Amino acid sequence: MRPALYNAKYRFENISSDSSEKSYEVVTLIYESTDTFGEHLLAETKRGDISESGQQEP
């Protein structure tokens, strides 16, 4: 599950916005505090938006 440990690739999508895409650095506290998912293009995001993620196919 951890990207740094398993070299996993994830996809992210803001499912509550139709705005133009913007580059975001995606990080999380779900795993370890040092985990980062890198840069992703997402529809412009604001507090309260709903996002989904999943493991990307190889």
PDB file of N, CA and C in Angstrom:
ATOM      1  N   MET A   1       0.812  -1.203   0.000  1.00  0.00           N
ATOM      2  CA  MET A   1       0.000   0.000   0.000  1.00  0.00           C
ATOM      3  C   MET A   1       0.857   1.271   0.000  1.00  0.00           C
ATOM      4  N   ARG A   2       2.013   1.269   0.649  1.00  0.00           N
ATOM      5  CA  ARG A   2       2.814   2.490   0.727  1.00  0.00           C
ATOM      6  C   ARG A   2       3.585   2.705  -0.562  1.00  0.00           C
ATOM      7  N   PRO A   3       3.458   3.875  -1.185  1.00  0.00           N
ATOM      8  CA  PRO A   3       4.110   4.121  -2.465  1.00  0.00           C
ATOM      9  C   PRO A   3       5.630   4.030  -2.415  1.00  0.00           C
ATOM     10  N   ALA A   4       6.252   4.554  -1.383  1.00  0.00           N
ATOM     11  CA  ALA A   4       7.712   4.535  -1.308  1.00  0.00           C
ATOM     12  C   ALA A   4       8.254   3.122  -1.123  1.00  0.00           C
ATOM     13  N   LEU A   5       7.577   2.323  -0.364  1.00  0.00           N
ATOM     14  CA  LEU A   5       8.042   0.975  -0.060  1.00  0.00           C
ATOM     15  C   LEU A   5       7.808   0.008  -1.214  1.00  0.00           C
ATOM     16  N   TYR A   6       6.680   0.110  -1.870  1.00  0.00           N
ATOM     17  CA  TYR A   6       6.315  -0.866  -2.891  1.00  0.00           C
ATOM     18  C   TYR A   6       6.365  -0.308  -4.308  1.00  0.00           C
ATOM     19  N   ASN A   7       6.812   0.950  -4.467  1.00  0.00           N
ATOM     20  CA  ASN A   7       6.876   1.589  -5.773  1.00  0.00           C
ATOM     21  C   ASN A   7       5.525   1.546  -6.488  1.00  0.00           C
ATOM     22  N   ALA A   8       4.467   1.654  -5.732  1.00  0.00           N
ATOM     23  CA  ALA A   8       3.107   1.614  -6.275  1.00  0.00           C
ATOM     24  C   ALA A   8       2.760   2.953  -6.924  1.00  0.00           C
ATOM     25  N   LYS A   9       1.926   2.911  -7.924  1.00  0.00           N
ATOM     26  CA  LYS A   9       1.443   4.114  -8.603  1.00  0.00           C
ATOM     27  C   LYS A   9      -0.057   4.243  -8.354  1.00  0.00           C
ATOM     28  N   TYR A  10      -0.494   5.449  -8.038  1.00  0.00           N
ATOM     29  CA  TYR A  10      -1.898   5.692  -7.739  1.00  0.00           C
ATOM     30  C   TYR A  10      -2.452   6.763  -8.654  1.00  0.00           C
ATOM     31  N   ARG A  11      -3.741   6.714  -8.877  1.00  0.00           N
ATOM     32  CA  ARG A  11      -4.429   7.759  -9.625  1.00  0.00           C
ATOM     33  C   ARG A  11      -5.337   8.510  -8.651  1.00  0.00           C
ATOM     34  N   PHE A  12      -5.551   9.788  -8.906  1.00  0.00           N
ATOM     35  CA  PHE A  12      -6.400  10.622  -8.065  1.00  0.00           C
ATOM     36  C   PHE A  12      -7.324  11.428  -8.964  1.00  0.00           C
ATOM     37  N   GLU A  13      -8.548  11.639  -8.506  1.00  0.00           N
ATOM     38  CA  GLU A  13      -9.519  12.396  -9.286  1.00  0.00           C
ATOM     39  C   GLU A  13     -10.430  13.174  -8.346  1.00  0.00           C
ATOM     40  N   ASN A  14     -10.629  14.445  -8.643  1.00  0.00           N
ATOM     41  CA  ASN A  14     -11.588  15.265  -7.903  1.00  0.00           C
ATOM     42  C   ASN A  14     -12.938  15.038  -8.575  1.00  0.00           C
ATOM     43  N   ILE A  15     -13.838  14.323  -7.928  1.00  0.00           N
ATOM     44  CA  ILE A  15     -15.107  13.956  -8.563  1.00  0.00           C
ATOM     45  C   ILE A  15     -16.221  14.964  -8.294  1.00  0.00           C
ATOM     46  N   SER A  16     -15.914  16.067  -7.604  1.00  0.00           N
ATOM     47  CA  SER A  16     -16.948  17.051  -7.321  1.00  0.00           C
ATOM     48  C   SER A  16     -16.665  18.394  -7.995  1.00  0.00           C
ATOM     49  N   SER A  17     -15.761  18.416  -8.977  1.00  0.00           N
ATOM     50  CA  SER A  17     -15.417  19.672  -9.634  1.00  0.00           C
ATOM     51  C   SER A  17     -15.239  19.461 -11.134  1.00  0.00           C
ATOM     52  N   ASP A  18     -15.735  20.418 -11.913  1.00  0.00           N
ATOM     53  CA  ASP A  18     -15.547  20.411 -13.366  1.00  0.00           C
ATOM     54  C   ASP A  18     -14.531  21.475 -13.784  1.00  0.00           C
ATOM     55  N   SER A  19     -13.875  22.088 -12.831  1.00  0.00           N
ATOM     56  CA  SER A  19     -12.939  23.179 -13.118  1.00  0.00           C
ATOM     57  C   SER A  19     -11.756  22.693 -13.940  1.00  0.00           C
ATOM     58  N   SER A  20     -11.000  23.647 -14.462  1.00  0.00           N
ATOM     59  CA  SER A  20      -9.808  23.295 -15.231  1.00  0.00           C
ATOM     60  C   SER A  20      -8.795  22.596 -14.324  1.00  0.00           C
ATOM     61  N   GLU A  21      -7.905  21.824 -14.948  1.00  0.00           N
ATOM     62  CA  GLU A  21      -6.930  21.057 -14.172  1.00  0.00           C
ATOM     63  C   GLU A  21      -5.790  21.932 -13.684  1.00  0.00           C
ATOM     64  N   LYS A  22      -5.268  21.530 -12.555  1.00  0.00           N
ATOM     65  CA  LYS A  22      -4.173  22.237 -11.911  1.00  0.00           C
ATOM     66  C   LYS A  22      -3.267  21.170 -11.302  1.00  0.00           C
ATOM     67  N   SER A  23      -1.981  21.426 -11.209  1.00  0.00           N
ATOM     68  CA  SER A  23      -1.033  20.462 -10.644  1.00  0.00           C
ATOM     69  C   SER A  23      -1.007  20.578  -9.120  1.00  0.00           C
ATOM     70  N   TYR A  24      -1.143  19.435  -8.456  1.00  0.00           N
ATOM     71  CA  TYR A  24      -1.109  19.380  -6.990  1.00  0.00           C
ATOM     72  C   TYR A  24      -0.124  18.316  -6.530  1.00  0.00           C
ATOM     73  N   GLU A  25       0.565  18.588  -5.437  1.00  0.00           N
ATOM     74  CA  GLU A  25       1.389  17.584  -4.762  1.00  0.00           C
ATOM     75  C   GLU A  25       0.463  16.844  -3.802  1.00  0.00           C
ATOM     76  N   VAL A  26       0.275  15.548  -4.007  1.00  0.00           N
ATOM     77  CA  VAL A  26      -0.659  14.768  -3.197  1.00  0.00           C
ATOM     78  C   VAL A  26       0.103  14.066  -2.080  1.00  0.00           C
ATOM     79  N   VAL A  27      -0.280  14.358  -0.829  1.00  0.00           N
ATOM     80  CA  VAL A  27       0.311  13.733   0.355  1.00  0.00           C
ATOM     81  C   VAL A  27      -0.821  13.230   1.244  1.00  0.00           C
ATOM     82  N   THR A  28      -0.483  12.350   2.178  1.00  0.00           N
ATOM     83  CA  THR A  28      -1.522  11.811   3.058  1.00  0.00           C
ATOM     84  C   THR A  28      -0.944  11.439   4.411  1.00  0.00           C
ATOM     85  N   LEU A  29      -1.787  11.425   5.389  1.00  0.00           N
ATOM     86  CA  LEU A  29      -1.400  10.948   6.722  1.00  0.00           C
ATOM     87  C   LEU A  29      -1.980   9.561   6.974  1.00  0.00           C
ATOM     88  N   ILE A  30      -2.584   8.968   5.943  1.00  0.00           N
ATOM     89  CA  ILE A  30      -3.184   7.639   6.115  1.00  0.00           C
ATOM     90  C   ILE A  30      -2.106   6.607   6.395  1.00  0.00           C
ATOM     91  N   TYR A  31      -0.958   6.738   5.723  1.00  0.00           N
ATOM     92  CA  TYR A  31       0.119   5.778   5.903  1.00  0.00           C
ATOM     93  C   TYR A  31       1.150   6.379   6.859  1.00  0.00           C
ATOM     94  N   GLU A  32       2.325   6.660   6.378  1.00  0.00           N
ATOM     95  CA  GLU A  32       3.359   7.284   7.200  1.00  0.00           C
ATOM     96  C   GLU A  32       3.417   8.773   6.865  1.00  0.00           C
ATOM     97  N   SER A  33       3.909   9.570   7.782  1.00  0.00           N
ATOM     98  CA  SER A  33       3.926  11.016   7.571  1.00  0.00           C
ATOM     99  C   SER A  33       4.839  11.425   6.419  1.00  0.00           C
ATOM    100  N   THR A  34       5.742  10.553   5.996  1.00  0.00           N
ATOM    101  CA  THR A  34       6.649  10.892   4.902  1.00  0.00           C
ATOM    102  C   THR A  34       6.124  10.452   3.548  1.00  0.00           C
ATOM    103  N   ASP A  35       4.972   9.804   3.492  1.00  0.00           N
ATOM    104  CA  ASP A  35       4.455   9.313   2.220  1.00  0.00           C
ATOM    105  C   ASP A  35       3.946  10.454   1.350  1.00  0.00           C
ATOM    106  N   THR A  36       4.358  10.426   0.105  1.00  0.00           N
ATOM    107  CA  THR A  36       3.881  11.383  -0.884  1.00  0.00           C
ATOM    108  C   THR A  36       3.509  10.611  -2.145  1.00  0.00           C
ATOM    109  N   PHE A  37       2.495  11.067  -2.820  1.00  0.00           N
ATOM    110  CA  PHE A  37       2.045  10.409  -4.041  1.00  0.00           C
ATOM    111  C   PHE A  37       2.473  11.194  -5.273  1.00  0.00           C
ATOM    112  N   GLY A  38       3.272  12.247  -5.096  1.00  0.00           N
ATOM    113  CA  GLY A  38       3.804  13.002  -6.212  1.00  0.00           C
ATOM    114  C   GLY A  38       2.821  14.001  -6.799  1.00  0.00           C
ATOM    115  N   GLU A  39       3.222  14.558  -7.941  1.00  0.00           N
ATOM    116  CA  GLU A  39       2.417  15.556  -8.637  1.00  0.00           C
ATOM    117  C   GLU A  39       1.314  14.874  -9.443  1.00  0.00           C
ATOM    118  N   HIS A  40       0.112  15.425  -9.347  1.00  0.00           N
ATOM    119  CA  HIS A  40      -1.030  14.919 -10.109  1.00  0.00           C
ATOM    120  C   HIS A  40      -1.834  16.100 -10.634  1.00  0.00           C
ATOM    121  N   LEU A  41      -2.385  15.941 -11.843  1.00  0.00           N
ATOM    122  CA  LEU A  41      -3.288  16.943 -12.386  1.00  0.00           C
ATOM    123  C   LEU A  41      -4.694  16.616 -11.907  1.00  0.00           C
ATOM    124  N   LEU A  42      -5.300  17.571 -11.209  1.00  0.00           N
ATOM    125  CA  LEU A  42      -6.661  17.413 -10.698  1.00  0.00           C
ATOM    126  C   LEU A  42      -7.473  18.638 -11.086  1.00  0.00           C
ATOM    127  N   ALA A  43      -8.779  18.458 -11.210  1.00  0.00           N
ATOM    128  CA  ALA A  43      -9.643  19.624 -11.371  1.00  0.00           C
ATOM    129  C   ALA A  43      -9.384  20.535 -10.174  1.00  0.00           C
ATOM    130  N   GLU A  44      -9.412  21.839 -10.394  1.00  0.00           N
ATOM    131  CA  GLU A  44      -9.115  22.770  -9.310  1.00  0.00           C
ATOM    132  C   GLU A  44      -9.905  22.375  -8.066  1.00  0.00           C
ATOM    133  N   THR A  45      -9.197  22.258  -6.952  1.00  0.00           N
ATOM    134  CA  THR A  45      -9.740  21.666  -5.736  1.00  0.00           C
ATOM    135  C   THR A  45      -9.875  22.689  -4.626  1.00  0.00           C
ATOM    136  N   LYS A  46     -10.978  22.584  -3.880  1.00  0.00           N
ATOM    137  CA  LYS A  46     -11.172  23.446  -2.713  1.00  0.00           C
ATOM    138  C   LYS A  46     -11.628  22.585  -1.533  1.00  0.00           C
ATOM    139  N   ARG A  47     -11.520  23.129  -0.352  1.00  0.00           N
ATOM    140  CA  ARG A  47     -11.922  22.421   0.860  1.00  0.00           C
ATOM    141  C   ARG A  47     -13.354  21.917   0.705  1.00  0.00           C
ATOM    142  N   GLY A  48     -13.570  20.662   1.052  1.00  0.00           N
ATOM    143  CA  GLY A  48     -14.902  20.067   0.987  1.00  0.00           C
ATOM    144  C   GLY A  48     -15.156  19.278  -0.284  1.00  0.00           C
ATOM    145  N   ASP A  49     -14.266  19.404  -1.296  1.00  0.00           N
ATOM    146  CA  ASP A  49     -14.437  18.617  -2.516  1.00  0.00           C
ATOM    147  C   ASP A  49     -14.248  17.132  -2.205  1.00  0.00           C
ATOM    148  N   ILE A  50     -14.838  16.312  -3.030  1.00  0.00           N
ATOM    149  CA  ILE A  50     -14.728  14.859  -2.863  1.00  0.00           C
ATOM    150  C   ILE A  50     -13.776  14.319  -3.916  1.00  0.00           C
ATOM    151  N   SER A  51     -12.804  13.549  -3.462  1.00  0.00           N
ATOM    152  CA  SER A  51     -11.823  12.949  -4.366  1.00  0.00           C
ATOM    153  C   SER A  51     -11.860  11.444  -4.222  1.00  0.00           C
ATOM    154  N   GLU A  52     -11.408  10.773  -5.270  1.00  0.00           N
ATOM    155  CA  GLU A  52     -11.269   9.327  -5.184  1.00  0.00           C
ATOM    156  C   GLU A  52      -9.873   8.963  -5.657  1.00  0.00           C
ATOM    157  N   SER A  53      -9.402   7.844  -5.181  1.00  0.00           N
ATOM    158  CA  SER A  53      -8.088   7.361  -5.591  1.00  0.00           C
ATOM    159  C   SER A  53      -8.131   5.852  -5.723  1.00  0.00           C
ATOM    160  N   GLY A  54      -7.174   5.347  -6.417  1.00  0.00           N
ATOM    161  CA  GLY A  54      -7.074   3.904  -6.577  1.00  0.00           C
ATOM    162  C   GLY A  54      -5.727   3.567  -7.153  1.00  0.00           C
ATOM    163  N   GLN A  55      -5.348   2.329  -7.063  1.00  0.00           N
ATOM    164  CA  GLN A  55      -4.057   1.918  -7.589  1.00  0.00           C
ATOM    165  C   GLN A  55      -4.129   1.885  -9.106  1.00  0.00           C
ATOM    166  N   GLN A  56      -3.112   2.450  -9.718  1.00  0.00           N
ATOM    167  CA  GLN A  56      -3.044   2.520 -11.164  1.00  0.00           C
ATOM    168  C   GLN A  56      -2.586   1.169 -11.708  1.00  0.00           C
ATOM    169  N   GLU A  57      -3.142   0.783 -12.829  1.00  0.00           N
ATOM    170  CA  GLU A  57      -2.731  -0.461 -13.469  1.00  0.00           C
ATOM    171  C   GLU A  57      -1.307  -0.308 -13.985  1.00  0.00           C
ATOM    172  N   PRO A  58      -0.499  -1.370 -13.921  1.00  0.00           N
ATOM    173  CA  PRO A  58       0.901  -1.273 -14.399  1.00  0.00           C
ATOM    174  C   PRO A  58       1.001  -1.015 -15.884  1.00  0.00           C
TER     175      PRO A  58
END
